Amino acid sequence: MNVSDAIEHRISVRAFLDRPVAKDVVADIIAKAARAPSGGNLQPWRVHALAGEPLAAFKAEVAANPGGEPMEYNVYPPDLWEPFRTRRFANGEQLYASVSVPREDKAARLRWFARNAEFFGAPVGLFFCLDRKLGPPQWADLGMYMQNVMLLAVEAGLDTCAQEFWARYPLSVARAVGLPDDHMVFSGMALGYRDPQHPINGWRSVRDAPEIWSELRGFD
């Protein structure tokens, strides 16, 4: 599989099969992903993978606290402006339309959102953390590491869903993975085999045309 095919195949999967992923496969993915670039080769990523009983115990703890915990950063800026507001709105409309949940059914939407806390049924939960003294450039480096993980997962026949949802549970995640006080949770990720029959996996988010957000100068 070439890189272009992996990029095209990758989607945010929100329904997984009840099929385990071997430890050596997960270990291989997170090791190979470390070829991601990082300024000064700081390699700011710290990665934790949960499966089996540790994952089940963690999900049970989170289920008992649906309100979440104080967040350490905002996933989105407050009062999101255009064109970002429209993009986020359209994405949500597509997602809920795929499972026939209308906008006015707030309870059903909340139930679907709560599936984040179950990693959408994935057998592996990944957490990406970093030293809290690091800054935005290192957050960007961690994002590139996560992209490597997602593409390597595709190569291995797996699927993922990156989940900044876990910023809502920084204390629970820290306890579950033994995170030192000087480190923080950046994001989680569901990892497993997608359910090809589930309608929520049957849609693709829309991308604006490159002419809207890019410009090329000086070429013949």
N, C-alpha and C. Protein backbone atom coordinates (compact mmCIF):
# COMPACT_ATOMS: atom_id res chain seq x y z
N MET A 1 0.85 -1.19 0.00
CA MET A 1 0.00 0.00 0.00
C MET A 1 0.88 1.25 0.00
N ASN A 2 0.63 2.18 -0.94
CA ASN A 2 1.41 3.41 -0.94
C ASN A 2 0.78 4.45 -0.02
N VAL A 3 1.50 5.53 0.19
CA VAL A 3 1.04 6.56 1.13
C VAL A 3 -0.28 7.17 0.69
N SER A 4 -0.42 7.45 -0.60
CA SER A 4 -1.66 8.06 -1.10
C SER A 4 -2.86 7.18 -0.82
N ASP A 5 -2.71 5.88 -1.00
CA ASP A 5 -3.81 4.95 -0.73
C ASP A 5 -4.15 4.93 0.76
N ALA A 6 -3.13 4.96 1.60
CA ALA A 6 -3.37 4.95 3.05
C ALA A 6 -4.10 6.20 3.49
N ILE A 7 -3.71 7.36 2.94
CA ILE A 7 -4.38 8.61 3.27
C ILE A 7 -5.83 8.57 2.83
N GLU A 8 -6.08 8.04 1.64
CA GLU A 8 -7.45 7.97 1.12
C GLU A 8 -8.32 7.01 1.93
N HIS A 9 -7.73 5.93 2.41
CA HIS A 9 -8.49 4.92 3.15
C HIS A 9 -8.80 5.36 4.58
N ARG A 10 -7.93 6.18 5.17
CA ARG A 10 -8.09 6.54 6.58
C ARG A 10 -9.34 7.39 6.79
N ILE A 11 -10.17 6.98 7.70
CA ILE A 11 -11.30 7.77 8.17
C ILE A 11 -11.36 7.66 9.68
N SER A 12 -12.17 8.51 10.30
CA SER A 12 -12.40 8.41 11.74
C SER A 12 -13.50 7.38 11.96
N VAL A 13 -13.09 6.17 12.29
CA VAL A 13 -14.03 5.07 12.46
C VAL A 13 -14.70 5.16 13.82
N ARG A 14 -16.03 5.06 13.83
CA ARG A 14 -16.78 5.21 15.09
C ARG A 14 -17.62 3.97 15.41
N ALA A 15 -17.28 2.85 14.80
CA ALA A 15 -17.89 1.56 15.15
C ALA A 15 -16.87 0.48 14.78
N PHE A 16 -16.43 -0.28 15.79
CA PHE A 16 -15.40 -1.29 15.60
C PHE A 16 -15.96 -2.69 15.86
N LEU A 17 -15.31 -3.67 15.27
CA LEU A 17 -15.66 -5.06 15.51
C LEU A 17 -15.07 -5.53 16.84
N ASP A 18 -15.73 -6.50 17.44
CA ASP A 18 -15.22 -7.10 18.68
C ASP A 18 -14.15 -8.13 18.30
N ARG A 19 -13.01 -7.63 17.90
CA ARG A 19 -11.92 -8.48 17.40
C ARG A 19 -10.61 -7.94 17.97
N PRO A 20 -9.89 -8.72 18.74
CA PRO A 20 -8.68 -8.22 19.40
C PRO A 20 -7.57 -7.90 18.41
N VAL A 21 -6.66 -7.04 18.85
CA VAL A 21 -5.47 -6.70 18.08
C VAL A 21 -4.26 -7.21 18.85
N ALA A 22 -3.38 -7.91 18.18
CA ALA A 22 -2.22 -8.50 18.84
C ALA A 22 -1.28 -7.43 19.39
N LYS A 23 -0.69 -7.72 20.54
CA LYS A 23 0.22 -6.78 21.18
C LYS A 23 1.38 -6.42 20.28
N ASP A 24 1.95 -7.39 19.57
CA ASP A 24 3.11 -7.10 18.73
C ASP A 24 2.77 -6.18 17.57
N VAL A 25 1.52 -6.24 17.09
CA VAL A 25 1.09 -5.33 16.03
C VAL A 25 1.04 -3.90 16.54
N VAL A 26 0.45 -3.73 17.72
CA VAL A 26 0.38 -2.39 18.33
C VAL A 26 1.78 -1.85 18.61
N ALA A 27 2.63 -2.70 19.17
CA ALA A 27 4.00 -2.29 19.49
C ALA A 27 4.76 -1.88 18.23
N ASP A 28 4.55 -2.61 17.15
CA ASP A 28 5.23 -2.30 15.89
C ASP A 28 4.78 -0.95 15.34
N ILE A 29 3.49 -0.67 15.42
CA ILE A 29 2.96 0.60 14.91
C ILE A 29 3.52 1.77 15.70
N ILE A 30 3.47 1.71 17.03
CA ILE A 30 3.92 2.85 17.81
C ILE A 30 5.43 3.04 17.72
N ALA A 31 6.16 1.96 17.46
CA ALA A 31 7.61 2.08 17.29
C ALA A 31 7.94 2.72 15.94
N LYS A 32 7.33 2.24 14.87
CA LYS A 32 7.60 2.79 13.54
C LYS A 32 7.16 4.24 13.43
N ALA A 33 6.09 4.61 14.11
CA ALA A 33 5.58 5.99 14.04
C ALA A 33 6.59 7.00 14.57
N ALA A 34 7.55 6.55 15.35
CA ALA A 34 8.54 7.45 15.95
C ALA A 34 9.51 8.04 14.94
N ARG A 35 9.40 7.65 13.67
CA ARG A 35 10.16 8.33 12.63
C ARG A 35 9.53 9.66 12.26
N ALA A 36 8.46 10.04 12.93
CA ALA A 36 7.85 11.35 12.72
C ALA A 36 8.87 12.45 13.01
N PRO A 37 8.82 13.55 12.28
CA PRO A 37 9.75 14.65 12.55
C PRO A 37 9.39 15.37 13.84
N SER A 38 10.42 15.90 14.49
CA SER A 38 10.19 16.77 15.65
C SER A 38 11.34 17.75 15.73
N GLY A 39 11.03 19.02 15.98
CA GLY A 39 12.04 20.06 16.04
C GLY A 39 13.13 19.72 17.05
N GLY A 40 14.39 19.77 16.59
CA GLY A 40 15.50 19.44 17.47
C GLY A 40 15.54 17.98 17.88
N ASN A 41 14.74 17.15 17.19
CA ASN A 41 14.61 15.73 17.54
C ASN A 41 14.23 15.55 19.01
N LEU A 42 13.34 16.42 19.51
CA LEU A 42 12.92 16.31 20.91
C LEU A 42 12.09 15.06 21.17
N GLN A 43 11.42 14.57 20.13
CA GLN A 43 10.57 13.38 20.29
C GLN A 43 9.66 13.53 21.53
N PRO A 44 8.75 14.50 21.49
CA PRO A 44 7.99 14.84 22.70
C PRO A 44 6.90 13.84 23.07
N TRP A 45 6.65 12.87 22.22
CA TRP A 45 5.52 11.97 22.46
C TRP A 45 5.78 10.99 23.60
N ARG A 46 4.72 10.73 24.33
CA ARG A 46 4.70 9.67 25.34
C ARG A 46 3.40 8.91 25.08
N VAL A 47 3.49 7.62 24.83
CA VAL A 47 2.34 6.85 24.33
C VAL A 47 2.00 5.72 25.30
N HIS A 48 0.70 5.55 25.55
CA HIS A 48 0.21 4.48 26.42
C HIS A 48 -0.90 3.74 25.69
N ALA A 49 -0.85 2.43 25.71
CA ALA A 49 -1.88 1.60 25.07
C ALA A 49 -2.56 0.73 26.12
N LEU A 50 -3.88 0.71 26.09
CA LEU A 50 -4.66 -0.12 27.01
C LEU A 50 -5.50 -1.11 26.20
N ALA A 51 -5.58 -2.32 26.69
CA ALA A 51 -6.43 -3.35 26.10
C ALA A 51 -6.88 -4.29 27.21
N GLY A 52 -7.78 -5.20 26.88
CA GLY A 52 -8.19 -6.22 27.84
C GLY A 52 -8.76 -5.65 29.13
N GLU A 53 -8.37 -6.24 30.25
CA GLU A 53 -8.92 -5.85 31.55
C GLU A 53 -8.58 -4.41 31.93
N PRO A 54 -7.34 -3.94 31.73
CA PRO A 54 -7.06 -2.54 32.05
C PRO A 54 -7.96 -1.56 31.29
N LEU A 55 -8.24 -1.85 30.01
CA LEU A 55 -9.13 -0.98 29.25
C LEU A 55 -10.55 -1.06 29.78
N ALA A 56 -11.01 -2.26 30.12
CA ALA A 56 -12.37 -2.43 30.64
C ALA A 56 -12.53 -1.69 31.96
N ALA A 57 -11.53 -1.78 32.83
CA ALA A 57 -11.60 -1.09 34.13
C ALA A 57 -11.62 0.42 33.94
N PHE A 58 -10.82 0.90 33.00
CA PHE A 58 -10.80 2.34 32.74
C PHE A 58 -12.15 2.82 32.22
N LYS A 59 -12.73 2.10 31.27
CA LYS A 59 -14.02 2.50 30.73
C LYS A 59 -15.11 2.49 31.80
N ALA A 60 -15.03 1.54 32.72
CA ALA A 60 -16.01 1.48 33.81
C ALA A 60 -15.88 2.71 34.71
N GLU A 61 -14.66 3.13 34.98
CA GLU A 61 -14.45 4.33 35.81
C GLU A 61 -15.01 5.57 35.13
N VAL A 62 -14.77 5.68 33.83
CA VAL A 62 -15.26 6.84 33.09
C VAL A 62 -16.78 6.84 33.01
N ALA A 63 -17.37 5.66 32.84
CA ALA A 63 -18.82 5.56 32.75
C ALA A 63 -19.49 6.04 34.04
N ALA A 64 -18.79 5.90 35.16
CA ALA A 64 -19.34 6.33 36.44
C ALA A 64 -19.23 7.83 36.64
N ASN A 65 -18.58 8.53 35.71
CA ASN A 65 -18.39 9.97 35.82
C ASN A 65 -18.71 10.64 34.49
N PRO A 66 -19.97 10.60 34.05
CA PRO A 66 -20.31 11.11 32.72
C PRO A 66 -20.09 12.61 32.56
N GLY A 67 -20.01 13.33 33.67
CA GLY A 67 -19.81 14.78 33.58
C GLY A 67 -18.40 15.19 33.24
N GLY A 68 -17.45 14.26 33.34
CA GLY A 68 -16.08 14.59 33.02
C GLY A 68 -15.38 15.32 34.14
N GLU A 69 -14.21 15.85 33.84
CA GLU A 69 -13.33 16.52 34.80
C GLU A 69 -12.89 17.86 34.22
N PRO A 70 -12.31 18.74 35.04
CA PRO A 70 -11.83 20.02 34.49
C PRO A 70 -10.81 19.79 33.38
N MET A 71 -11.03 20.47 32.26
CA MET A 71 -10.15 20.29 31.11
C MET A 71 -8.92 21.19 31.23
N GLU A 72 -7.81 20.72 30.67
CA GLU A 72 -6.57 21.49 30.72
C GLU A 72 -6.38 22.35 29.48
N TYR A 73 -7.19 22.15 28.45
CA TYR A 73 -7.13 23.02 27.28
C TYR A 73 -8.46 22.91 26.55
N ASN A 74 -8.78 23.92 25.75
CA ASN A 74 -9.99 23.91 24.95
C ASN A 74 -9.72 23.19 23.63
N VAL A 75 -10.55 22.21 23.33
CA VAL A 75 -10.42 21.49 22.06
C VAL A 75 -10.70 22.44 20.89
N TYR A 76 -11.70 23.31 21.03
CA TYR A 76 -12.00 24.33 20.03
C TYR A 76 -11.94 25.71 20.69
N PRO A 77 -11.55 26.74 19.95
CA PRO A 77 -11.61 28.09 20.50
C PRO A 77 -13.05 28.47 20.83
N PRO A 78 -13.26 29.27 21.84
CA PRO A 78 -14.63 29.73 22.13
C PRO A 78 -15.14 30.62 21.00
N ASP A 79 -16.46 30.58 20.79
CA ASP A 79 -17.09 31.40 19.75
C ASP A 79 -16.41 31.19 18.39
N LEU A 80 -16.41 29.94 17.95
CA LEU A 80 -15.75 29.58 16.70
C LEU A 80 -16.29 30.45 15.55
N TRP A 81 -15.40 30.94 14.69
CA TRP A 81 -15.75 31.87 13.63
C TRP A 81 -15.67 31.16 12.27
N GLU A 82 -16.06 31.89 11.24
CA GLU A 82 -16.07 31.34 9.89
C GLU A 82 -14.66 31.34 9.28
N PRO A 83 -14.34 30.35 8.46
CA PRO A 83 -15.21 29.28 7.95
C PRO A 83 -15.26 28.05 8.86
N PHE A 84 -14.58 28.13 10.01
CA PHE A 84 -14.44 26.95 10.87
C PHE A 84 -15.77 26.54 11.49
N ARG A 85 -16.58 27.52 11.83
CA ARG A 85 -17.88 27.19 12.43
C ARG A 85 -18.74 26.39 11.47
N THR A 86 -18.80 26.83 10.21
CA THR A 86 -19.62 26.13 9.22
C THR A 86 -19.07 24.73 8.96
N ARG A 87 -17.76 24.59 8.90
CA ARG A 87 -17.17 23.27 8.66
C ARG A 87 -17.52 22.31 9.79
N ARG A 88 -17.41 22.79 11.03
CA ARG A 88 -17.73 21.91 12.16
C ARG A 88 -19.21 21.55 12.17
N PHE A 89 -20.07 22.52 11.88
CA PHE A 89 -21.52 22.27 11.84
C PHE A 89 -21.85 21.23 10.77
N ALA A 90 -21.30 21.40 9.58
CA ALA A 90 -21.59 20.47 8.48
C ALA A 90 -21.10 19.07 8.82
N ASN A 91 -19.95 18.98 9.47
CA ASN A 91 -19.42 17.67 9.84
C ASN A 91 -20.36 16.95 10.81
N GLY A 92 -20.85 17.68 11.80
CA GLY A 92 -21.79 17.09 12.75
C GLY A 92 -23.08 16.66 12.08
N GLU A 93 -23.58 17.47 11.16
CA GLU A 93 -24.81 17.11 10.46
C GLU A 93 -24.64 15.83 9.65
N GLN A 94 -23.50 15.68 8.98
CA GLN A 94 -23.25 14.46 8.21
C GLN A 94 -23.17 13.24 9.13
N LEU A 95 -22.45 13.40 10.22
CA LEU A 95 -22.26 12.28 11.15
C LEU A 95 -23.60 11.77 11.67
N TYR A 96 -24.43 12.67 12.19
CA TYR A 96 -25.70 12.23 12.79
C TYR A 96 -26.71 11.79 11.73
N ALA A 97 -26.63 12.37 10.55
CA ALA A 97 -27.52 11.92 9.47
C ALA A 97 -27.22 10.47 9.09
N SER A 98 -25.96 10.05 9.22
CA SER A 98 -25.61 8.68 8.84
C SER A 98 -26.27 7.65 9.74
N VAL A 99 -26.63 8.05 10.96
CA VAL A 99 -27.30 7.13 11.89
C VAL A 99 -28.74 7.58 12.15
N SER A 100 -29.26 8.42 11.25
CA SER A 100 -30.67 8.85 11.28
C SER A 100 -31.07 9.50 12.60
N VAL A 101 -30.20 10.36 13.12
CA VAL A 101 -30.52 11.10 14.34
C VAL A 101 -30.75 12.56 13.96
N PRO A 102 -31.99 13.06 14.07
CA PRO A 102 -32.27 14.45 13.68
C PRO A 102 -31.70 15.45 14.69
N ARG A 103 -31.52 16.67 14.24
CA ARG A 103 -30.94 17.72 15.08
C ARG A 103 -31.73 17.94 16.36
N GLU A 104 -33.06 17.83 16.29
CA GLU A 104 -33.88 18.12 17.47
C GLU A 104 -33.83 17.02 18.53
N ASP A 105 -33.31 15.85 18.18
CA ASP A 105 -33.23 14.75 19.15
C ASP A 105 -31.92 14.85 19.93
N LYS A 106 -31.89 15.78 20.87
CA LYS A 106 -30.67 16.05 21.63
C LYS A 106 -30.22 14.84 22.44
N ALA A 107 -31.18 14.10 23.00
CA ALA A 107 -30.83 12.95 23.83
C ALA A 107 -30.09 11.89 23.01
N ALA A 108 -30.59 11.63 21.79
CA ALA A 108 -29.94 10.64 20.94
C ALA A 108 -28.55 11.10 20.54
N ARG A 109 -28.39 12.37 20.29
CA ARG A 109 -27.07 12.89 19.93
C ARG A 109 -26.09 12.75 21.10
N LEU A 110 -26.58 13.00 22.27
CA LEU A 110 -25.71 12.84 23.45
C LEU A 110 -25.32 11.38 23.65
N ARG A 111 -26.24 10.47 23.38
CA ARG A 111 -25.92 9.05 23.52
C ARG A 111 -24.83 8.64 22.51
N TRP A 112 -24.93 9.16 21.29
CA TRP A 112 -23.90 8.85 20.32
C TRP A 112 -22.57 9.47 20.72
N PHE A 113 -22.61 10.69 21.22
CA PHE A 113 -21.37 11.34 21.66
C PHE A 113 -20.73 10.55 22.80
N ALA A 114 -21.55 9.99 23.67
CA ALA A 114 -21.04 9.23 24.82
C ALA A 114 -20.29 7.97 24.39
N ARG A 115 -20.49 7.53 23.16
CA ARG A 115 -19.77 6.35 22.68
C ARG A 115 -18.26 6.60 22.59
N ASN A 116 -17.87 7.88 22.60
CA ASN A 116 -16.45 8.19 22.70
C ASN A 116 -15.83 7.51 23.91
N ALA A 117 -16.57 7.52 25.03
CA ALA A 117 -16.05 6.96 26.28
C ALA A 117 -15.86 5.46 26.21
N GLU A 118 -16.41 4.82 25.20
CA GLU A 118 -16.25 3.38 25.00
C GLU A 118 -15.24 3.09 23.88
N PHE A 119 -14.54 4.13 23.42
CA PHE A 119 -13.64 3.98 22.27
C PHE A 119 -14.38 3.38 21.08
N PHE A 120 -15.68 3.63 21.01
CA PHE A 120 -16.52 3.15 19.90
C PHE A 120 -16.43 1.64 19.73
N GLY A 121 -16.16 0.94 20.83
CA GLY A 121 -16.09 -0.51 20.77
C GLY A 121 -14.75 -1.06 20.33
N ALA A 122 -13.75 -0.20 20.16
CA ALA A 122 -12.42 -0.66 19.74
C ALA A 122 -11.76 -1.46 20.86
N PRO A 123 -10.95 -2.46 20.51
CA PRO A 123 -10.29 -3.28 21.53
C PRO A 123 -9.03 -2.65 22.12
N VAL A 124 -8.56 -1.55 21.51
CA VAL A 124 -7.35 -0.88 21.99
C VAL A 124 -7.62 0.61 22.13
N GLY A 125 -7.21 1.16 23.26
CA GLY A 125 -7.25 2.60 23.46
C GLY A 125 -5.84 3.13 23.61
N LEU A 126 -5.50 4.12 22.80
CA LEU A 126 -4.18 4.74 22.87
C LEU A 126 -4.31 6.13 23.49
N PHE A 127 -3.30 6.53 24.25
CA PHE A 127 -3.25 7.88 24.79
C PHE A 127 -1.91 8.51 24.43
N PHE A 128 -1.98 9.76 23.99
CA PHE A 128 -0.79 10.50 23.58
C PHE A 128 -0.61 11.67 24.54
N CYS A 129 0.53 11.68 25.19
CA CYS A 129 0.79 12.64 26.24
C CYS A 129 2.13 13.33 25.99
N LEU A 130 2.38 14.41 26.71
CA LEU A 130 3.66 15.09 26.60
C LEU A 130 3.92 15.92 27.84
N ASP A 131 5.17 16.29 28.02
CA ASP A 131 5.57 17.13 29.16
C ASP A 131 4.81 18.44 29.09
N ARG A 132 4.19 18.84 30.16
CA ARG A 132 3.33 20.02 30.14
C ARG A 132 4.12 21.32 29.98
N LYS A 133 5.44 21.28 30.12
CA LYS A 133 6.24 22.50 29.93
C LYS A 133 6.55 22.75 28.45
N LEU A 134 6.29 21.77 27.59
CA LEU A 134 6.51 21.94 26.17
C LEU A 134 5.44 22.85 25.56
N GLY A 135 5.75 23.43 24.40
CA GLY A 135 4.86 24.41 23.81
C GLY A 135 4.20 23.97 22.52
N PRO A 136 3.52 24.92 21.83
CA PRO A 136 2.79 24.60 20.60
C PRO A 136 3.61 23.87 19.54
N PRO A 137 4.91 24.20 19.33
CA PRO A 137 5.65 23.43 18.32
C PRO A 137 5.72 21.94 18.64
N GLN A 138 5.84 21.60 19.93
CA GLN A 138 5.90 20.19 20.31
C GLN A 138 4.53 19.53 20.22
N TRP A 139 3.45 20.30 20.43
CA TRP A 139 2.11 19.77 20.20
C TRP A 139 1.95 19.40 18.73
N ALA A 140 2.49 20.26 17.84
CA ALA A 140 2.44 19.96 16.41
C ALA A 140 3.23 18.69 16.09
N ASP A 141 4.40 18.54 16.73
CA ASP A 141 5.20 17.33 16.53
C ASP A 141 4.42 16.09 16.95
N LEU A 142 3.73 16.18 18.06
CA LEU A 142 2.93 15.05 18.54
C LEU A 142 1.81 14.72 17.55
N GLY A 143 1.23 15.77 16.95
CA GLY A 143 0.21 15.54 15.93
C GLY A 143 0.75 14.78 14.73
N MET A 144 2.00 15.09 14.34
CA MET A 144 2.60 14.36 13.23
C MET A 144 2.86 12.91 13.61
N TYR A 145 3.25 12.68 14.86
CA TYR A 145 3.42 11.31 15.33
C TYR A 145 2.09 10.56 15.24
N MET A 146 1.01 11.18 15.68
CA MET A 146 -0.30 10.54 15.63
C MET A 146 -0.72 10.24 14.20
N GLN A 147 -0.42 11.12 13.26
CA GLN A 147 -0.75 10.84 11.86
C GLN A 147 0.00 9.61 11.38
N ASN A 148 1.26 9.47 11.78
CA ASN A 148 2.00 8.27 11.42
C ASN A 148 1.32 7.02 11.97
N VAL A 149 0.86 7.09 13.21
CA VAL A 149 0.16 5.95 13.81
C VAL A 149 -1.07 5.59 12.98
N MET A 150 -1.84 6.59 12.58
CA MET A 150 -3.07 6.32 11.84
C MET A 150 -2.79 5.70 10.48
N LEU A 151 -1.75 6.17 9.79
CA LEU A 151 -1.43 5.62 8.47
C LEU A 151 -0.81 4.23 8.58
N LEU A 152 0.03 4.03 9.59
CA LEU A 152 0.59 2.70 9.80
C LEU A 152 -0.50 1.69 10.18
N ALA A 153 -1.52 2.16 10.91
CA ALA A 153 -2.64 1.29 11.24
C ALA A 153 -3.36 0.83 9.97
N VAL A 154 -3.57 1.76 9.04
CA VAL A 154 -4.19 1.39 7.76
C VAL A 154 -3.35 0.33 7.05
N GLU A 155 -2.04 0.52 7.01
CA GLU A 155 -1.16 -0.44 6.36
C GLU A 155 -1.29 -1.83 7.00
N ALA A 156 -1.54 -1.86 8.31
CA ALA A 156 -1.67 -3.13 9.03
C ALA A 156 -3.09 -3.71 8.97
N GLY A 157 -3.97 -3.07 8.19
CA GLY A 157 -5.34 -3.55 8.07
C GLY A 157 -6.24 -3.11 9.20
N LEU A 158 -5.83 -2.10 9.94
CA LEU A 158 -6.58 -1.60 11.09
C LEU A 158 -7.14 -0.22 10.79
N ASP A 159 -7.95 0.27 11.73
CA ASP A 159 -8.53 1.60 11.61
C ASP A 159 -8.45 2.32 12.95
N THR A 160 -8.66 3.63 12.89
CA THR A 160 -8.49 4.46 14.08
C THR A 160 -9.55 5.54 14.14
N CYS A 161 -9.64 6.16 15.31
CA CYS A 161 -10.38 7.41 15.46
C CYS A 161 -9.64 8.23 16.51
N ALA A 162 -9.04 9.33 16.09
CA ALA A 162 -8.39 10.23 17.04
C ALA A 162 -9.47 10.88 17.90
N GLN A 163 -9.21 10.98 19.21
CA GLN A 163 -10.25 11.43 20.14
C GLN A 163 -9.71 12.46 21.13
N GLU A 164 -9.88 13.73 20.80
CA GLU A 164 -9.58 14.76 21.78
C GLU A 164 -10.65 14.81 22.87
N PHE A 165 -11.66 13.97 22.72
CA PHE A 165 -12.65 13.76 23.78
C PHE A 165 -11.98 13.51 25.12
N TRP A 166 -10.83 12.83 25.10
CA TRP A 166 -10.19 12.43 26.35
C TRP A 166 -9.56 13.60 27.09
N ALA A 167 -9.55 14.79 26.48
CA ALA A 167 -9.17 15.99 27.23
C ALA A 167 -10.17 16.26 28.34
N ARG A 168 -11.36 15.64 28.26
CA ARG A 168 -12.37 15.80 29.30
C ARG A 168 -12.08 14.97 30.54
N TYR A 169 -11.12 14.05 30.44
CA TYR A 169 -10.84 13.14 31.56
C TYR A 169 -9.34 13.08 31.86
N PRO A 170 -8.70 14.22 32.07
CA PRO A 170 -7.25 14.20 32.29
C PRO A 170 -6.83 13.45 33.54
N LEU A 171 -7.61 13.54 34.60
CA LEU A 171 -7.25 12.88 35.86
C LEU A 171 -7.43 11.37 35.76
N SER A 172 -8.53 10.94 35.16
CA SER A 172 -8.79 9.50 35.01
C SER A 172 -7.75 8.84 34.12
N VAL A 173 -7.42 9.51 33.00
CA VAL A 173 -6.41 8.96 32.11
C VAL A 173 -5.06 8.87 32.81
N ALA A 174 -4.70 9.93 33.53
CA ALA A 174 -3.42 9.94 34.25
C ALA A 174 -3.32 8.79 35.24
N ARG A 175 -4.41 8.52 35.95
CA ARG A 175 -4.40 7.41 36.90
C ARG A 175 -4.29 6.07 36.18
N ALA A 176 -5.01 5.93 35.08
CA ALA A 176 -5.05 4.65 34.37
C ALA A 176 -3.70 4.26 33.78
N VAL A 177 -2.92 5.26 33.35
CA VAL A 177 -1.65 4.95 32.68
C VAL A 177 -0.44 5.30 33.53
N GLY A 178 -0.66 5.79 34.76
CA GLY A 178 0.45 6.14 35.63
C GLY A 178 1.23 7.33 35.12
N LEU A 179 0.52 8.34 34.62
CA LEU A 179 1.17 9.50 34.04
C LEU A 179 1.78 10.38 35.14
N PRO A 180 3.04 10.78 35.00
CA PRO A 180 3.66 11.66 36.00
C PRO A 180 2.96 13.01 36.05
N ASP A 181 3.06 13.70 37.17
CA ASP A 181 2.39 14.99 37.32
C ASP A 181 2.88 16.03 36.33
N ASP A 182 4.12 15.89 35.86
CA ASP A 182 4.66 16.90 34.94
C ASP A 182 4.31 16.62 33.48
N HIS A 183 3.45 15.62 33.24
CA HIS A 183 2.97 15.32 31.89
C HIS A 183 1.46 15.51 31.82
N MET A 184 0.96 15.76 30.62
CA MET A 184 -0.47 15.96 30.42
C MET A 184 -0.97 15.13 29.25
N VAL A 185 -2.28 14.89 29.25
CA VAL A 185 -2.93 14.16 28.17
C VAL A 185 -3.25 15.13 27.03
N PHE A 186 -2.81 14.78 25.84
CA PHE A 186 -3.15 15.58 24.66
C PHE A 186 -4.36 15.00 23.93
N SER A 187 -4.35 13.69 23.66
CA SER A 187 -5.43 13.08 22.89
C SER A 187 -5.44 11.58 23.13
N GLY A 188 -6.56 10.98 22.82
CA GLY A 188 -6.66 9.53 22.80
C GLY A 188 -6.90 9.07 21.38
N MET A 189 -6.96 7.76 21.20
CA MET A 189 -7.24 7.21 19.87
C MET A 189 -7.78 5.79 20.01
N ALA A 190 -8.88 5.52 19.34
CA ALA A 190 -9.41 4.16 19.25
C ALA A 190 -8.69 3.44 18.13
N LEU A 191 -8.35 2.17 18.37
CA LEU A 191 -7.62 1.37 17.39
C LEU A 191 -8.23 -0.02 17.30
N GLY A 192 -8.53 -0.46 16.11
CA GLY A 192 -9.09 -1.80 15.93
C GLY A 192 -9.51 -2.02 14.49
N TYR A 193 -10.45 -2.94 14.31
CA TYR A 193 -10.96 -3.28 12.98
C TYR A 193 -12.34 -2.65 12.80
N ARG A 194 -12.50 -1.88 11.74
CA ARG A 194 -13.79 -1.20 11.54
C ARG A 194 -14.90 -2.20 11.25
N ASP A 195 -16.10 -1.84 11.66
CA ASP A 195 -17.29 -2.60 11.30
C ASP A 195 -17.76 -2.07 9.95
N PRO A 196 -17.56 -2.83 8.88
CA PRO A 196 -17.89 -2.30 7.55
C PRO A 196 -19.39 -2.18 7.30
N GLN A 197 -20.19 -2.82 8.13
CA GLN A 197 -21.64 -2.79 7.94
C GLN A 197 -22.32 -1.64 8.66
N HIS A 198 -21.62 -1.02 9.59
CA HIS A 198 -22.25 0.03 10.39
C HIS A 198 -22.36 1.31 9.58
N PRO A 199 -23.54 1.93 9.54
CA PRO A 199 -23.73 3.13 8.70
C PRO A 199 -22.87 4.31 9.10
N ILE A 200 -22.46 4.39 10.36
CA ILE A 200 -21.66 5.55 10.78
C ILE A 200 -20.28 5.54 10.15
N ASN A 201 -19.87 4.37 9.62
CA ASN A 201 -18.59 4.28 8.93
C ASN A 201 -18.73 4.45 7.42
N GLY A 202 -19.93 4.76 6.96
CA GLY A 202 -20.17 4.81 5.53
C GLY A 202 -20.17 6.19 4.91
N TRP A 203 -19.77 7.21 5.65
CA TRP A 203 -19.75 8.55 5.07
C TRP A 203 -18.34 9.12 5.14
N ARG A 204 -18.07 10.13 4.33
CA ARG A 204 -16.77 10.79 4.30
C ARG A 204 -16.97 12.28 4.52
N SER A 205 -16.19 12.83 5.41
CA SER A 205 -16.27 14.27 5.63
C SER A 205 -15.77 15.02 4.39
N VAL A 206 -16.31 16.20 4.18
CA VAL A 206 -16.03 16.98 2.98
C VAL A 206 -14.77 17.82 3.19
N ARG A 207 -13.94 17.93 2.15
CA ARG A 207 -12.78 18.80 2.17
C ARG A 207 -12.98 19.93 1.16
N ASP A 208 -12.67 21.15 1.56
CA ASP A 208 -12.74 22.27 0.64
C ASP A 208 -11.72 22.09 -0.48
N ALA A 209 -11.98 22.70 -1.62
CA ALA A 209 -11.06 22.64 -2.74
C ALA A 209 -9.74 23.32 -2.38
N PRO A 210 -8.61 22.81 -2.86
CA PRO A 210 -7.32 23.41 -2.53
C PRO A 210 -7.24 24.90 -2.87
N GLU A 211 -7.98 25.35 -3.90
CA GLU A 211 -7.93 26.76 -4.28
C GLU A 211 -8.41 27.68 -3.16
N ILE A 212 -9.19 27.13 -2.22
CA ILE A 212 -9.72 27.94 -1.13
C ILE A 212 -8.66 28.21 -0.07
N TRP A 213 -7.77 27.24 0.16
CA TRP A 213 -6.85 27.37 1.27
C TRP A 213 -5.37 27.26 0.90
N SER A 214 -5.07 27.24 -0.40
CA SER A 214 -3.66 27.17 -0.80
C SER A 214 -3.40 28.10 -1.97
N GLU A 215 -2.13 28.45 -2.13
CA GLU A 215 -1.72 29.32 -3.23
C GLU A 215 -0.31 28.92 -3.67
N LEU A 216 -0.11 28.77 -4.97
CA LEU A 216 1.18 28.40 -5.53
C LEU A 216 1.71 29.54 -6.38
N ARG A 217 2.95 29.94 -6.11
CA ARG A 217 3.54 31.07 -6.86
C ARG A 217 4.92 30.66 -7.37
N GLY A 218 5.28 31.25 -8.50
CA GLY A 218 6.63 31.07 -9.02
C GLY A 218 6.86 29.82 -9.83
N PHE A 219 5.79 29.09 -10.13
CA PHE A 219 5.94 27.87 -10.94
C PHE A 219 5.69 28.18 -12.40
N ASP A 220 6.34 27.44 -13.28
CA ASP A 220 6.12 27.60 -14.72
C ASP A 220 4.75 27.07 -15.11
